[in-house]
Amino acid sequence: MTSSPQPLHPDDHGPGRKASISREDLLAAALKLVGPHRSVSTLSLREVAREAGIAPNSFYRQFRDMDELAVALIDLAGRSLRKIIGEARHRAASTDRSVVRGSVEAFIEQLRADDKLLHVLLREGNVGSDAFKHAVERELQFFEEELCLDLVRLAARDNAPLHEPAIVSKAITRLVFAMGATAMDLPRAKDPELIDQLSEMVRLIITGSRALASRSATR
């Protein structure tokens, strides 16, 4: 995965190669190579450079090595998904739609999106270097923190306190990502069933937390 930078030469750019490249271009090239049976950890620097249309030496102008590119890709995936799920929760909260179902639907929709960003988060936590795993864990913790804030806000709105909302948010986050990792290899026809099951699982966690909070309040 990692290689030591090589000196750059004036003739770095052969026929058909780009004279300059951005970090975003390299991230996009890596995403094109990721697939159902390919994780970022299996990509080589030369593969990404070839997909981006640059000489391998030009890669080092943007990233030290493939580990740094993978961590940047994981960060990008996390930011993108947090924004999408956050918007889905807020949309649902402002209507009569279920916040739980709206969030689950947004998650599965992103799972099937062409940009494959969610695939990066779901796969890299179990493979690759420690840097990959730490980056994925960091993103999961961001999800948990943001979900916890939303859960507390919704609990106050509905006058339905939760027992240990931080643990509830962690349980939901880990459940959804574990189910998502399994769903990647399932046909799209299974999505409605998966959404129903996952929504019900999340509701059970929340219901259990509310029951524990109610029991504690009556003691």
C-alpha atoms as a PDB file:
ATOM      1  CA  MET A   1       0.000   0.000   0.000  1.00  0.00           C
ATOM      2  CA  THR A   2       2.685   2.542   0.964  1.00  0.00           C
ATOM      3  CA  SER A   3       5.625   3.582  -1.184  1.00  0.00           C
ATOM      4  CA  SER A   4       8.448   6.009  -0.683  1.00  0.00           C
ATOM      5  CA  PRO A   5       8.172   9.135  -2.819  1.00  0.00           C
ATOM      6  CA  GLN A   6      10.320   9.095  -5.924  1.00  0.00           C
ATOM      7  CA  PRO A   7      11.988  12.184  -7.387  1.00  0.00           C
ATOM      8  CA  LEU A   8       9.879  14.084  -9.864  1.00  0.00           C
ATOM      9  CA  HIS A   9      11.208  14.455 -13.378  1.00  0.00           C
ATOM     10  CA  PRO A  10      10.329  17.026 -16.034  1.00  0.00           C
ATOM     11  CA  ASP A  11       9.028  14.284 -18.285  1.00  0.00           C
ATOM     12  CA  ASP A  12       6.635  12.949 -15.632  1.00  0.00           C
ATOM     13  CA  HIS A  13       3.676  13.590 -17.888  1.00  0.00           C
ATOM     14  CA  GLY A  14       3.550  11.193 -20.796  1.00  0.00           C
ATOM     15  CA  PRO A  15       1.077  11.151 -23.658  1.00  0.00           C
ATOM     16  CA  GLY A  16      -2.495  11.441 -22.431  1.00  0.00           C
ATOM     17  CA  ARG A  17      -1.470  12.260 -18.885  1.00  0.00           C
ATOM     18  CA  LYS A  18      -2.717  15.331 -17.062  1.00  0.00           C
ATOM     19  CA  ALA A  19      -0.268  18.097 -16.281  1.00  0.00           C
ATOM     20  CA  SER A  20      -1.852  18.738 -12.874  1.00  0.00           C
ATOM     21  CA  ILE A  21      -4.163  16.920 -10.498  1.00  0.00           C
ATOM     22  CA  SER A  22      -6.118  17.859  -7.378  1.00  0.00           C
ATOM     23  CA  ARG A  23      -6.785  15.883  -4.210  1.00  0.00           C
ATOM     24  CA  GLU A  24     -10.437  15.681  -5.259  1.00  0.00           C
ATOM     25  CA  ASP A  25      -9.450  14.162  -8.614  1.00  0.00           C
ATOM     26  CA  LEU A  26      -7.446  11.445  -6.892  1.00  0.00           C
ATOM     27  CA  LEU A  27     -10.221  10.702  -4.428  1.00  0.00           C
ATOM     28  CA  ALA A  28     -12.685  10.415  -7.311  1.00  0.00           C
ATOM     29  CA  ALA A  29     -10.315   8.070  -9.159  1.00  0.00           C
ATOM     30  CA  ALA A  30      -9.999   5.839  -6.080  1.00  0.00           C
ATOM     31  CA  LEU A  31     -13.784   5.719  -5.686  1.00  0.00           C
ATOM     32  CA  LYS A  32     -14.163   4.533  -9.287  1.00  0.00           C
ATOM     33  CA  LEU A  33     -11.974   1.538  -8.479  1.00  0.00           C
ATOM     34  CA  VAL A  34     -13.833   0.564  -5.313  1.00  0.00           C
ATOM     35  CA  GLY A  35     -16.462  -2.109  -5.863  1.00  0.00           C
ATOM     36  CA  PRO A  36     -18.422  -4.916  -4.202  1.00  0.00           C
ATOM     37  CA  HIS A  37     -15.241  -6.947  -3.820  1.00  0.00           C
ATOM     38  CA  ARG A  38     -12.668  -4.146  -3.740  1.00  0.00           C
ATOM     39  CA  SER A  39     -11.885  -2.042  -0.708  1.00  0.00           C
ATOM     40  CA  VAL A  40      -9.625   0.996  -0.681  1.00  0.00           C
ATOM     41  CA  SER A  41      -7.048  -1.055   1.209  1.00  0.00           C
ATOM     42  CA  THR A  42      -6.538  -3.289  -1.848  1.00  0.00           C
ATOM     43  CA  LEU A  43      -5.830  -0.425  -4.257  1.00  0.00           C
ATOM     44  CA  SER A  44      -2.308   0.344  -5.354  1.00  0.00           C
ATOM     45  CA  LEU A  45      -0.858   3.770  -5.941  1.00  0.00           C
ATOM     46  CA  ARG A  46      -0.217   2.929  -9.589  1.00  0.00           C
ATOM     47  CA  GLU A  47      -3.840   1.862 -10.107  1.00  0.00           C
ATOM     48  CA  VAL A  48      -5.146   5.145  -8.725  1.00  0.00           C
ATOM     49  CA  ALA A  49      -2.622   7.171 -10.728  1.00  0.00           C
ATOM     50  CA  ARG A  50      -3.557   5.336 -13.921  1.00  0.00           C
ATOM     51  CA  GLU A  51      -7.288   5.887 -13.279  1.00  0.00           C
ATOM     52  CA  ALA A  52      -6.625   9.591 -12.647  1.00  0.00           C
ATOM     53  CA  GLY A  53      -4.548   9.869 -15.823  1.00  0.00           C
ATOM     54  CA  ILE A  54      -1.299  10.933 -14.135  1.00  0.00           C
ATOM     55  CA  ALA A  55       2.194   9.542 -13.701  1.00  0.00           C
ATOM     56  CA  PRO A  56       2.692   7.754 -10.353  1.00  0.00           C
ATOM     57  CA  ASN A  57       5.204  10.403  -9.225  1.00  0.00           C
ATOM     58  CA  SER A  58       2.529  13.096  -9.543  1.00  0.00           C
ATOM     59  CA  PHE A  59       0.487  11.338  -6.845  1.00  0.00           C
ATOM     60  CA  TYR A  60       2.935  12.570  -4.202  1.00  0.00           C
ATOM     61  CA  ARG A  61       2.093  16.174  -4.896  1.00  0.00           C
ATOM     62  CA  GLN A  62      -1.234  15.608  -3.107  1.00  0.00           C
ATOM     63  CA  PHE A  63      -0.744  12.628  -0.759  1.00  0.00           C
ATOM     64  CA  ARG A  64       2.218  11.095   1.064  1.00  0.00           C
ATOM     65  CA  ASP A  65       1.002   7.560   0.371  1.00  0.00           C
ATOM     66  CA  MET A  66      -2.106   5.440  -0.118  1.00  0.00           C
ATOM     67  CA  ASP A  67      -2.840   5.401   3.605  1.00  0.00           C
ATOM     68  CA  GLU A  68      -3.208   9.179   3.612  1.00  0.00           C
ATOM     69  CA  LEU A  69      -5.498   9.033   0.567  1.00  0.00           C
ATOM     70  CA  ALA A  70      -7.646   6.334   2.196  1.00  0.00           C
ATOM     71  CA  VAL A  71      -8.026   8.320   5.419  1.00  0.00           C
ATOM     72  CA  ALA A  72      -9.031  11.395   3.390  1.00  0.00           C
ATOM     73  CA  LEU A  73     -11.595   9.271   1.551  1.00  0.00           C
ATOM     74  CA  ILE A  74     -13.007   7.936   4.825  1.00  0.00           C
ATOM     75  CA  ASP A  75     -13.268  11.491   6.185  1.00  0.00           C
ATOM     76  CA  LEU A  76     -15.057  12.603   3.017  1.00  0.00           C
ATOM     77  CA  ALA A  77     -17.451   9.654   3.231  1.00  0.00           C
ATOM     78  CA  GLY A  78     -18.241  10.411   6.863  1.00  0.00           C
ATOM     79  CA  ARG A  79     -18.917  14.108   6.276  1.00  0.00           C
ATOM     80  CA  SER A  80     -21.114  13.376   3.270  1.00  0.00           C
ATOM     81  CA  LEU A  81     -23.195  10.728   5.038  1.00  0.00           C
ATOM     82  CA  ARG A  82     -23.597  12.751   8.242  1.00  0.00           C
ATOM     83  CA  LYS A  83     -24.952  15.640   6.175  1.00  0.00           C
ATOM     84  CA  ILE A  84     -27.400  13.414   4.283  1.00  0.00           C
ATOM     85  CA  ILE A  85     -28.675  11.600   7.387  1.00  0.00           C
ATOM     86  CA  GLY A  86     -28.861  14.847   9.363  1.00  0.00           C
ATOM     87  CA  GLU A  87     -30.962  16.478   6.663  1.00  0.00           C
ATOM     88  CA  ALA A  88     -33.238  13.421   6.540  1.00  0.00           C
ATOM     89  CA  ARG A  89     -33.770  13.554  10.320  1.00  0.00           C
ATOM     90  CA  HIS A  90     -34.582  17.261  10.247  1.00  0.00           C
ATOM     91  CA  ARG A  91     -36.988  16.847   7.307  1.00  0.00           C
ATOM     92  CA  ALA A  92     -38.813  14.060   9.091  1.00  0.00           C
ATOM     93  CA  ALA A  93     -38.911  15.979  12.369  1.00  0.00           C
ATOM     94  CA  SER A  94     -40.620  18.916  10.652  1.00  0.00           C
ATOM     95  CA  THR A  95     -43.339  16.707   9.134  1.00  0.00           C
ATOM     96  CA  ASP A  96     -45.521  13.833  10.272  1.00  0.00           C
ATOM     97  CA  ARG A  97     -43.045  11.290   8.913  1.00  0.00           C
ATOM     98  CA  SER A  98     -41.188   8.932  11.232  1.00  0.00           C
ATOM     99  CA  VAL A  99     -37.708  10.243  12.003  1.00  0.00           C
ATOM    100  CA  VAL A 100     -36.484   6.663  12.355  1.00  0.00           C
ATOM    101  CA  ARG A 101     -37.836   5.462   9.015  1.00  0.00           C
ATOM    102  CA  GLY A 102     -36.771   8.628   7.192  1.00  0.00           C
ATOM    103  CA  SER A 103     -33.217   8.237   8.475  1.00  0.00           C
ATOM    104  CA  VAL A 104     -33.063   4.534   7.594  1.00  0.00           C
ATOM    105  CA  GLU A 105     -34.402   5.203   4.100  1.00  0.00           C
ATOM    106  CA  ALA A 106     -31.762   7.911   3.572  1.00  0.00           C
ATOM    107  CA  PHE A 107     -29.052   5.502   4.732  1.00  0.00           C
ATOM    108  CA  ILE A 108     -30.124   2.723   2.350  1.00  0.00           C
ATOM    109  CA  GLU A 109     -30.545   5.211  -0.502  1.00  0.00           C
ATOM    110  CA  GLN A 110     -26.978   6.362   0.031  1.00  0.00           C
ATOM    111  CA  LEU A 111     -25.834   2.749   0.207  1.00  0.00           C
ATOM    112  CA  ARG A 112     -27.077   2.291  -3.354  1.00  0.00           C
ATOM    113  CA  ALA A 113     -25.705   5.620  -4.617  1.00  0.00           C
ATOM    114  CA  ASP A 114     -23.218   5.585  -7.463  1.00  0.00           C
ATOM    115  CA  ASP A 115     -20.554   7.547  -5.566  1.00  0.00           C
ATOM    116  CA  LYS A 116     -19.825   4.513  -3.311  1.00  0.00           C
ATOM    117  CA  LEU A 117     -18.860   6.760  -0.395  1.00  0.00           C
ATOM    118  CA  LEU A 118     -20.824   4.715   2.127  1.00  0.00           C
ATOM    119  CA  HIS A 119     -19.131   1.536   0.900  1.00  0.00           C
ATOM    120  CA  VAL A 120     -15.825   3.034   1.992  1.00  0.00           C
ATOM    121  CA  LEU A 121     -17.043   3.488   5.571  1.00  0.00           C
ATOM    122  CA  LEU A 122     -18.650   0.063   5.741  1.00  0.00           C
ATOM    123  CA  ARG A 123     -15.673  -1.875   4.390  1.00  0.00           C
ATOM    124  CA  GLU A 124     -12.605  -0.077   5.687  1.00  0.00           C
ATOM    125  CA  GLY A 125     -13.437  -0.591   9.370  1.00  0.00           C
ATOM    126  CA  ASN A 126     -12.688  -4.291   9.053  1.00  0.00           C
ATOM    127  CA  VAL A 127      -9.744  -4.326   6.667  1.00  0.00           C
ATOM    128  CA  GLY A 128      -6.624  -2.372   5.903  1.00  0.00           C
ATOM    129  CA  SER A 129      -4.206  -0.600   8.172  1.00  0.00           C
ATOM    130  CA  ASP A 130      -4.711   0.679  11.701  1.00  0.00           C
ATOM    131  CA  ALA A 131      -4.930   4.169  10.199  1.00  0.00           C
ATOM    132  CA  PHE A 132      -7.997   3.073   8.177  1.00  0.00           C
ATOM    133  CA  LYS A 133      -9.664   1.489  11.188  1.00  0.00           C
ATOM    134  CA  HIS A 134      -8.987   4.479  13.430  1.00  0.00           C
ATOM    135  CA  ALA A 135     -10.391   6.815  10.761  1.00  0.00           C
ATOM    136  CA  VAL A 136     -13.593   4.754  10.471  1.00  0.00           C
ATOM    137  CA  GLU A 137     -13.950   4.569  14.243  1.00  0.00           C
ATOM    138  CA  ARG A 138     -13.590   8.346  14.435  1.00  0.00           C
ATOM    139  CA  GLU A 139     -16.378   8.787  11.878  1.00  0.00           C
ATOM    140  CA  LEU A 140     -18.644   6.390  13.767  1.00  0.00           C
ATOM    141  CA  GLN A 141     -18.084   8.395  16.938  1.00  0.00           C
ATOM    142  CA  PHE A 142     -19.033  11.581  15.068  1.00  0.00           C
ATOM    143  CA  PHE A 143     -22.271   9.879  13.985  1.00  0.00           C
ATOM    144  CA  GLU A 144     -22.967   8.798  17.565  1.00  0.00           C
ATOM    145  CA  GLU A 145     -22.400  12.299  18.948  1.00  0.00           C
ATOM    146  CA  GLU A 146     -24.678  13.959  16.398  1.00  0.00           C
ATOM    147  CA  LEU A 147     -27.369  11.286  16.779  1.00  0.00           C
ATOM    148  CA  CYS A 148     -27.228  11.653  20.568  1.00  0.00           C
ATOM    149  CA  LEU A 149     -27.909  15.387  20.291  1.00  0.00           C
ATOM    150  CA  ASP A 150     -30.881  14.725  17.999  1.00  0.00           C
ATOM    151  CA  LEU A 151     -32.249  12.008  20.283  1.00  0.00           C
ATOM    152  CA  VAL A 152     -32.092  14.300  23.303  1.00  0.00           C
ATOM    153  CA  ARG A 153     -33.760  17.110  21.338  1.00  0.00           C
ATOM    154  CA  LEU A 154     -36.569  14.847  20.094  1.00  0.00           C
ATOM    155  CA  ALA A 155     -37.032  13.311  23.543  1.00  0.00           C
ATOM    156  CA  ALA A 156     -37.518  16.775  25.025  1.00  0.00           C
ATOM    157  CA  ARG A 157     -39.949  17.707  22.232  1.00  0.00           C
ATOM    158  CA  ASP A 158     -42.038  14.571  22.783  1.00  0.00           C
ATOM    159  CA  ASN A 159     -41.672  14.626  26.578  1.00  0.00           C
ATOM    160  CA  ALA A 160     -40.303  11.068  26.373  1.00  0.00           C
ATOM    161  CA  PRO A 161     -36.922  10.972  28.174  1.00  0.00           C
ATOM    162  CA  LEU A 162     -34.341   8.353  27.211  1.00  0.00           C
ATOM    163  CA  HIS A 163     -32.230   6.246  29.529  1.00  0.00           C
ATOM    164  CA  GLU A 164     -28.525   6.750  28.671  1.00  0.00           C
ATOM    165  CA  PRO A 165     -29.031   8.512  25.294  1.00  0.00           C
ATOM    166  CA  ALA A 166     -25.308   8.262  24.487  1.00  0.00           C
ATOM    167  CA  ILE A 167     -25.481   4.469  24.737  1.00  0.00           C
ATOM    168  CA  VAL A 168     -28.713   4.468  22.722  1.00  0.00           C
ATOM    169  CA  SER A 169     -27.057   6.466  19.938  1.00  0.00           C
ATOM    170  CA  LYS A 170     -24.069   4.113  19.941  1.00  0.00           C
ATOM    171  CA  ALA A 171     -26.306   1.027  19.785  1.00  0.00           C
ATOM    172  CA  ILE A 172     -28.274   2.471  16.867  1.00  0.00           C
ATOM    173  CA  THR A 173     -25.174   3.596  14.962  1.00  0.00           C
ATOM    174  CA  ARG A 174     -23.388   0.253  15.327  1.00  0.00           C
ATOM    175  CA  LEU A 175     -26.538  -1.667  14.406  1.00  0.00           C
ATOM    176  CA  VAL A 176     -27.218   0.381  11.270  1.00  0.00           C
ATOM    177  CA  PHE A 177     -23.633   0.140  10.039  1.00  0.00           C
ATOM    178  CA  ALA A 178     -23.465  -3.617  10.710  1.00  0.00           C
ATOM    179  CA  MET A 179     -26.712  -4.147   8.815  1.00  0.00           C
ATOM    180  CA  GLY A 180     -25.475  -1.874   6.043  1.00  0.00           C
ATOM    181  CA  ALA A 181     -22.313  -3.939   5.614  1.00  0.00           C
ATOM    182  CA  THR A 182     -24.487  -7.011   5.087  1.00  0.00           C
ATOM    183  CA  ALA A 183     -26.885  -5.174   2.783  1.00  0.00           C
ATOM    184  CA  MET A 184     -24.114  -4.199   0.347  1.00  0.00           C
ATOM    185  CA  ASP A 185     -24.095  -7.733  -1.000  1.00  0.00           C
ATOM    186  CA  LEU A 186     -27.885  -8.083  -1.149  1.00  0.00           C
ATOM    187  CA  PRO A 187     -29.997  -7.298  -4.255  1.00  0.00           C
ATOM    188  CA  ARG A 188     -31.891  -4.001  -4.315  1.00  0.00           C
ATOM    189  CA  ALA A 189     -35.146  -5.970  -4.243  1.00  0.00           C
ATOM    190  CA  LYS A 190     -34.416  -6.698  -0.585  1.00  0.00           C
ATOM    191  CA  ASP A 191     -34.244  -2.991   0.343  1.00  0.00           C
ATOM    192  CA  PRO A 192     -37.919  -2.533   1.389  1.00  0.00           C
ATOM    193  CA  GLU A 193     -37.713  -5.561   3.694  1.00  0.00           C
ATOM    194  CA  LEU A 194     -34.390  -4.349   5.084  1.00  0.00           C
ATOM    195  CA  ILE A 195     -35.778  -0.848   5.729  1.00  0.00           C
ATOM    196  CA  ASP A 196     -38.772  -2.332   7.578  1.00  0.00           C
ATOM    197  CA  GLN A 197     -36.583  -4.580   9.731  1.00  0.00           C
ATOM    198  CA  LEU A 198     -33.969  -1.967  10.497  1.00  0.00           C
ATOM    199  CA  SER A 199     -36.580   0.679  11.341  1.00  0.00           C
ATOM    200  CA  GLU A 200     -38.267  -1.740  13.738  1.00  0.00           C
ATOM    201  CA  MET A 201     -34.942  -2.631  15.385  1.00  0.00           C
ATOM    202  CA  VAL A 202     -34.153   1.033  15.974  1.00  0.00           C
ATOM    203  CA  ARG A 203     -37.639   1.643  17.387  1.00  0.00           C
ATOM    204  CA  LEU A 204     -37.182  -1.266  19.798  1.00  0.00           C
ATOM    205  CA  ILE A 205     -33.936   0.241  21.081  1.00  0.00           C
ATOM    206  CA  ILE A 206     -35.601   3.615  21.599  1.00  0.00           C
ATOM    207  CA  THR A 207     -38.699   2.066  23.196  1.00  0.00           C
ATOM    208  CA  GLY A 208     -36.551   0.071  25.603  1.00  0.00           C
ATOM    209  CA  SER A 209     -34.613   3.177  26.551  1.00  0.00           C
ATOM    210  CA  ARG A 210     -37.828   5.112  27.200  1.00  0.00           C
ATOM    211  CA  ALA A 211     -39.163   2.287  29.356  1.00  0.00           C
ATOM    212  CA  LEU A 212     -35.993   2.245  31.457  1.00  0.00           C
ATOM    213  CA  ALA A 213     -36.140   6.028  31.854  1.00  0.00           C
ATOM    214  CA  SER A 214     -39.783   5.810  32.935  1.00  0.00           C
ATOM    215  CA  ARG A 215     -38.996   3.078  35.438  1.00  0.00           C
ATOM    216  CA  SER A 216     -36.166   5.098  36.930  1.00  0.00           C
ATOM    217  CA  ALA A 217     -38.426   8.163  37.240  1.00  0.00           C
ATOM    218  CA  THR A 218     -41.032   6.255  39.274  1.00  0.00           C
ATOM    219  CA  ARG A 219     -38.577   4.868  41.787  1.00  0.00           C
END
